[in-house]
Amino acid sequence: MHNRTLVTLALLGLLGGGVSQAVAEATPPQALACTACHQVGPDAKPAIGPPLWGLAERGIASYPGFEYSDALKQHQGQWNAERLDRFLADPNGFAPGTKMVFAGVPDPASRAVLIAWLASQNPTPPDWQSAQPADPAVSVGPLKPGNGAELVAAVCSGCHSLHLVTQQGLSRDSWQETLDWMIDEQGMAPLPEDDLQRVLDYLAAHYGLE
């Protein structure tokens, strides 16, 4: 069975209330935008953003020593499914002035996938039930259909509009240089080699030099 299918099944199991170690370790493609700035897993440390591990067990904007925006610190209590859904949909709308440079996830089904995954990032996963059924598919928006489109959408949409991708026409080497620059200068997390090659294959095929 394909790895993406296994991830999907694990997440759907979580939404139904069953949590397994496989779910805790699974990272859906929608979460690539999160892991570009946040570390995950029990050994996670602060990076560009605070670690996501243990999110359900601490108050909003309360990771020790991390410098949160005043806008986010104004929110009291802990994260739950409803608050996460609002925040993920529009971070700046939820906390105007937040330091998190992320446009948000407009698709409710994709947010449901993220909320299920964030629940798994806790020693004791909470029962964060989303009102919207999770859809494992990633919206590719304006990108041309093709092998790797969902992965490119997940990787790129965390920091900028996908329309920026469609406006380019670069060689494979230039796309590689662009990704290297994003990693070195913009704090983007390096992609696993298999994912990197899929991204480059897609970009070179659909937004390469003609």
Protein backbone atom coordinates (compact mmCIF):
# COMPACT_ATOMS: atom_id res chain seq x y z
CA MET A 1 0.00 0.00 0.00
CA HIS A 2 1.31 3.49 -0.85
CA ASN A 3 2.68 5.53 2.07
CA ARG A 4 0.24 8.38 1.39
CA THR A 5 -2.64 5.92 1.69
CA LEU A 6 -1.33 4.67 5.01
CA VAL A 7 -1.14 8.24 6.29
CA THR A 8 -4.69 8.89 5.18
CA LEU A 9 -6.05 5.78 6.87
CA ALA A 10 -4.22 6.58 10.06
CA LEU A 11 -5.63 10.10 10.17
CA LEU A 12 -9.15 8.96 9.45
CA GLY A 13 -8.79 6.49 12.30
CA LEU A 14 -7.82 9.36 14.59
CA LEU A 15 -10.86 11.37 13.59
CA GLY A 16 -12.97 8.38 14.52
CA GLY A 17 -11.47 8.39 18.02
CA GLY A 18 -8.83 5.68 17.65
CA VAL A 19 -5.23 6.82 18.22
CA SER A 20 -2.23 4.66 17.38
CA GLN A 21 1.52 5.05 17.30
CA ALA A 22 1.30 5.03 13.51
CA VAL A 23 -0.87 8.14 13.67
CA ALA A 24 1.55 9.86 16.05
CA GLU A 25 4.37 9.33 13.59
CA ALA A 26 2.43 10.09 10.40
CA THR A 27 2.82 13.46 8.74
CA PRO A 28 0.18 14.29 6.13
CA PRO A 29 1.19 16.44 3.16
CA GLN A 30 -0.94 19.30 4.53
CA ALA A 31 1.45 19.50 7.51
CA LEU A 32 4.52 20.27 5.40
CA ALA A 33 3.72 23.97 5.75
CA CYS A 34 3.79 23.53 9.55
CA THR A 35 7.01 21.55 9.71
CA ALA A 36 8.81 24.20 7.65
CA CYS A 37 8.86 26.37 10.80
CA HIS A 38 7.93 24.07 13.71
CA GLN A 39 9.68 20.96 15.01
CA VAL A 40 7.54 17.95 15.90
CA GLY A 41 7.95 14.81 18.00
CA PRO A 42 8.91 14.32 21.68
CA ASP A 43 12.40 15.81 21.18
CA ALA A 44 11.16 18.95 19.38
CA LYS A 45 12.86 22.24 20.16
CA PRO A 46 11.97 25.86 19.33
CA ALA A 47 12.84 26.85 15.77
CA ILE A 48 11.28 29.68 13.77
CA GLY A 49 8.13 28.76 15.68
CA PRO A 50 7.60 26.92 18.97
CA PRO A 51 7.57 23.11 18.95
CA LEU A 52 4.21 21.53 18.20
CA TRP A 53 4.71 18.54 20.49
CA GLY A 54 2.52 18.84 23.60
CA LEU A 55 0.35 21.58 22.11
CA ALA A 56 -2.76 20.29 23.87
CA GLU A 57 -1.06 20.21 27.26
CA ARG A 58 -0.05 23.86 27.51
CA GLY A 59 -1.86 27.16 27.29
CA ILE A 60 -1.99 29.21 24.12
CA ALA A 61 1.29 31.13 23.59
CA SER A 62 2.90 29.57 26.65
CA TYR A 63 5.92 27.52 25.55
CA PRO A 64 8.65 28.49 28.05
CA GLY A 65 11.10 31.05 26.74
CA PHE A 66 9.52 31.49 23.31
CA GLU A 67 8.81 35.08 22.29
CA TYR A 68 5.20 35.15 21.14
CA SER A 69 3.41 38.15 19.71
CA ASP A 70 1.33 40.23 22.10
CA ALA A 71 -1.64 39.48 19.84
CA LEU A 72 -1.44 35.74 20.46
CA LYS A 73 -0.64 36.14 24.16
CA GLN A 74 -3.97 37.90 24.59
CA HIS A 75 -5.75 34.58 24.01
CA GLN A 76 -6.39 32.68 27.23
CA GLY A 77 -6.91 28.98 27.85
CA GLN A 78 -5.75 26.04 25.78
CA TRP A 79 -6.03 25.04 22.16
CA ASN A 80 -9.03 22.96 21.14
CA ALA A 81 -10.48 21.94 17.77
CA GLU A 82 -12.62 25.06 17.42
CA ARG A 83 -9.79 27.47 18.22
CA LEU A 84 -7.33 25.63 16.00
CA ASP A 85 -9.82 25.67 13.14
CA ARG A 86 -10.20 29.45 13.42
CA PHE A 87 -6.45 30.00 13.75
CA LEU A 88 -5.51 27.73 10.87
CA ALA A 89 -8.13 29.32 8.63
CA ASP A 90 -6.80 32.85 9.19
CA PRO A 91 -3.92 33.28 11.68
CA ASN A 92 -3.87 37.07 11.39
CA GLY A 93 -7.63 37.24 11.73
CA PHE A 94 -7.49 35.12 14.89
CA ALA A 95 -4.64 37.15 16.37
CA PRO A 96 -4.11 40.41 14.42
CA GLY A 97 -0.39 41.14 14.47
CA THR A 98 0.72 37.54 14.98
CA LYS A 99 4.33 36.82 14.04
CA MET A 100 3.29 33.70 12.14
CA VAL A 101 3.74 34.54 8.47
CA PHE A 102 1.23 32.08 7.08
CA ALA A 103 -1.79 32.92 4.97
CA GLY A 104 -3.91 30.14 6.42
CA VAL A 105 -5.73 27.08 5.13
CA PRO A 106 -9.03 28.08 3.51
CA ASP A 107 -10.28 24.52 2.93
CA PRO A 108 -12.17 23.19 6.01
CA ALA A 109 -11.47 19.54 5.14
CA SER A 110 -7.73 20.20 4.96
CA ARG A 111 -7.89 21.95 8.32
CA ALA A 112 -9.61 18.87 9.74
CA VAL A 113 -6.64 16.78 8.59
CA LEU A 114 -4.24 19.21 10.28
CA ILE A 115 -6.23 19.25 13.52
CA ALA A 116 -6.21 15.45 13.61
CA TRP A 117 -2.47 15.44 13.02
CA LEU A 118 -1.86 18.10 15.69
CA ALA A 119 -3.82 15.97 18.14
CA SER A 120 -1.36 13.16 17.47
CA GLN A 121 1.51 15.44 18.49
CA ASN A 122 0.84 14.93 22.19
CA PRO A 123 1.87 12.26 24.73
CA THR A 124 -1.85 11.67 25.32
CA PRO A 125 -3.68 12.76 22.16
CA PRO A 126 -6.82 14.78 22.91
CA ASP A 127 -10.19 14.07 21.37
CA TRP A 128 -10.13 16.99 18.95
CA GLN A 129 -13.13 16.31 16.77
CA SER A 130 -13.59 18.59 13.77
CA ALA A 131 -17.09 19.37 12.52
CA GLN A 132 -15.82 19.00 8.96
CA PRO A 133 -14.87 15.51 7.70
CA ALA A 134 -11.18 15.27 6.88
CA ASP A 135 -10.23 15.15 3.23
CA PRO A 136 -6.70 13.80 2.72
CA ALA A 137 -6.42 15.48 -0.68
CA VAL A 138 -4.48 18.72 -0.90
CA SER A 139 -6.00 21.49 -2.99
CA VAL A 140 -3.62 22.33 -5.82
CA GLY A 141 -5.38 25.61 -6.60
CA PRO A 142 -3.99 27.18 -9.78
CA LEU A 143 -1.26 24.57 -10.28
CA LYS A 144 -1.40 22.40 -13.37
CA PRO A 145 -2.55 18.82 -12.66
CA GLY A 146 0.24 16.29 -12.64
CA ASN A 147 2.30 13.90 -10.58
CA GLY A 148 3.65 15.89 -7.63
CA ALA A 149 1.14 18.76 -7.80
CA GLU A 150 -0.28 18.04 -4.33
CA LEU A 151 3.20 17.85 -2.82
CA VAL A 152 4.23 21.14 -4.43
CA ALA A 153 1.00 22.77 -3.21
CA ALA A 154 1.60 21.55 0.34
CA VAL A 155 5.24 22.66 0.37
CA CYS A 156 4.79 26.07 -1.26
CA SER A 157 1.46 27.31 0.09
CA GLY A 158 2.79 27.64 3.64
CA CYS A 159 4.82 30.73 2.75
CA HIS A 160 3.37 32.26 -0.39
CA SER A 161 0.57 32.10 -2.92
CA LEU A 162 0.67 29.25 -5.41
CA HIS A 163 0.15 31.88 -8.10
CA LEU A 164 3.79 32.84 -7.55
CA VAL A 165 4.79 29.35 -8.72
CA THR A 166 2.66 29.58 -11.84
CA GLN A 167 4.32 32.84 -12.86
CA GLN A 168 7.78 31.27 -13.08
CA GLY A 169 9.59 29.52 -15.88
CA LEU A 170 12.85 28.12 -14.55
CA SER A 171 15.20 25.31 -15.45
CA ARG A 172 15.42 22.35 -13.08
CA ASP A 173 18.76 23.67 -11.80
CA SER A 174 17.25 27.10 -11.20
CA TRP A 175 14.33 25.59 -9.31
CA GLN A 176 16.89 23.69 -7.20
CA GLU A 177 18.76 26.94 -6.52
CA THR A 178 15.49 28.64 -5.56
CA LEU A 179 14.64 25.90 -3.07
CA ASP A 180 18.18 26.02 -1.66
CA TRP A 181 17.79 29.78 -1.18
CA MET A 182 14.47 29.29 0.62
CA ILE A 183 16.13 26.80 2.97
CA ASP A 184 19.27 28.87 3.58
CA GLU A 185 17.73 32.34 3.73
CA GLN A 186 14.02 31.93 4.49
CA GLY A 187 14.05 29.16 7.08
CA MET A 188 12.29 26.54 4.98
CA ALA A 189 12.89 23.00 6.26
CA PRO A 190 14.87 20.74 3.90
CA LEU A 191 12.74 18.21 2.06
CA PRO A 192 13.44 14.49 2.19
CA GLU A 193 15.35 13.51 -0.93
CA ASP A 194 12.46 11.57 -2.49
CA ASP A 195 10.09 14.51 -1.98
CA LEU A 196 12.67 16.97 -3.28
CA GLN A 197 13.07 15.03 -6.52
CA ARG A 198 9.28 14.80 -6.97
CA VAL A 199 8.97 18.57 -6.46
CA LEU A 200 11.75 19.28 -8.96
CA ASP A 201 10.31 16.81 -11.47
CA TYR A 202 6.93 18.51 -11.31
CA LEU A 203 8.27 22.08 -11.43
CA ALA A 204 10.63 21.34 -14.32
CA ALA A 205 7.88 19.57 -16.29
CA HIS A 206 5.12 22.15 -15.79
CA TYR A 207 6.93 25.42 -14.98
CA GLY A 208 10.26 24.92 -16.68
CA LEU A 209 11.90 26.77 -19.50
CA GLU A 210 10.08 26.33 -22.80
